[in-house]
Amino acid sequence: MLHLKVIEVKEFIMVFDLPREEGTVKVRTWRELQRMDAKMIQFSIWKSEKLDELMRLAIDIKKSGGSARILEERFVF
């Protein structure tokens, strides 16, 4: 019988959208995501283990007129 040991590493996905006029906020957001070693899935979809930093960035995005959501990544199979 095969026994698998499950190692749980929590990763989070941030999905965000910013108005076109907010070019400086987009650049600042992109630089901050790179600084925290987040991995880009698509342009406005990023993955990271650093929930606190993602939450802080999501708040900044919302204050700038954008929208942001943070999801917990979970693979079922």
Protein backbone atom coordinates (compact mmCIF):
# COMPACT_ATOMS: atom_id res chain seq x y z
CA MET A 1 0.00 0.00 0.00
CA LEU A 2 1.28 3.42 -0.93
CA HIS A 3 1.37 6.03 1.83
CA LEU A 4 1.61 9.67 0.85
CA LYS A 5 2.69 12.38 3.20
CA VAL A 6 0.82 15.59 2.54
CA ILE A 7 2.85 18.76 2.96
CA GLU A 8 0.54 21.72 3.00
CA VAL A 9 1.91 24.99 1.71
CA LYS A 10 -0.72 27.67 1.59
CA GLU A 11 -0.65 29.80 -1.49
CA PHE A 12 -2.97 32.61 -2.34
CA ILE A 13 -4.13 34.07 -5.64
CA MET A 14 -4.76 37.79 -6.03
CA VAL A 15 -6.95 38.92 -8.91
CA PHE A 16 -7.11 42.66 -9.47
CA ASP A 17 -8.28 45.28 -11.92
CA LEU A 18 -7.32 48.95 -12.11
CA PRO A 19 -8.85 51.73 -14.20
CA ARG A 20 -6.85 52.60 -17.34
CA GLU A 21 -6.11 56.06 -15.97
CA GLU A 22 -4.18 54.62 -13.03
CA GLY A 23 -0.92 53.87 -14.87
CA THR A 24 1.32 54.81 -11.95
CA VAL A 25 -0.68 52.55 -9.61
CA LYS A 26 -0.33 49.67 -12.09
CA VAL A 27 3.45 50.10 -12.18
CA ARG A 28 3.67 50.40 -8.39
CA THR A 29 1.50 47.28 -7.98
CA TRP A 30 3.56 45.29 -10.48
CA ARG A 31 6.83 46.30 -8.75
CA GLU A 32 5.45 45.41 -5.32
CA LEU A 33 4.33 41.97 -6.54
CA GLN A 34 7.81 41.34 -7.94
CA ARG A 35 9.43 42.51 -4.71
CA MET A 36 7.44 39.95 -2.72
CA ASP A 37 8.43 37.20 -5.20
CA ALA A 38 4.85 36.67 -6.34
CA LYS A 39 4.44 34.59 -9.48
CA MET A 40 2.42 35.97 -12.38
CA ILE A 41 -0.26 33.62 -13.72
CA GLN A 42 -1.73 36.23 -16.06
CA PHE A 43 -1.20 39.99 -16.11
CA SER A 44 -3.62 40.76 -13.26
CA ILE A 45 -3.57 37.32 -11.58
CA TRP A 46 -0.68 36.62 -9.22
CA LYS A 47 0.21 33.84 -6.76
CA SER A 48 2.08 34.21 -3.45
CA GLU A 49 2.46 32.61 -0.03
CA LYS A 50 2.57 36.06 1.63
CA LEU A 51 -1.05 36.70 2.56
CA ASP A 52 -0.36 39.78 4.71
CA GLU A 53 1.49 41.53 1.89
CA LEU A 54 -1.18 40.60 -0.65
CA MET A 55 -3.88 42.00 1.65
CA ARG A 56 -1.99 45.27 2.09
CA LEU A 57 -1.58 45.56 -1.68
CA ALA A 58 -5.25 44.72 -2.29
CA ILE A 59 -6.26 47.53 0.08
CA ASP A 60 -4.00 49.97 -1.83
CA ILE A 61 -5.56 48.86 -5.13
CA LYS A 62 -9.08 49.43 -3.77
CA LYS A 63 -8.12 52.87 -2.41
CA SER A 64 -6.93 53.75 -5.93
CA GLY A 65 -10.34 52.97 -7.44
CA GLY A 66 -9.60 49.41 -8.51
CA SER A 67 -10.91 46.04 -7.40
CA ALA A 68 -8.99 43.16 -5.83
CA ARG A 69 -9.84 39.69 -4.58
CA ILE A 70 -7.64 37.18 -2.77
CA LEU A 71 -8.38 33.48 -3.09
CA GLU A 72 -6.84 30.53 -1.30
CA GLU A 73 -5.34 28.10 -3.78
CA ARG A 74 -6.47 24.52 -3.21
CA PHE A 75 -6.02 21.57 -5.49
CA VAL A 76 -8.55 18.80 -5.06
CA PHE A 77 -6.96 16.30 -7.42
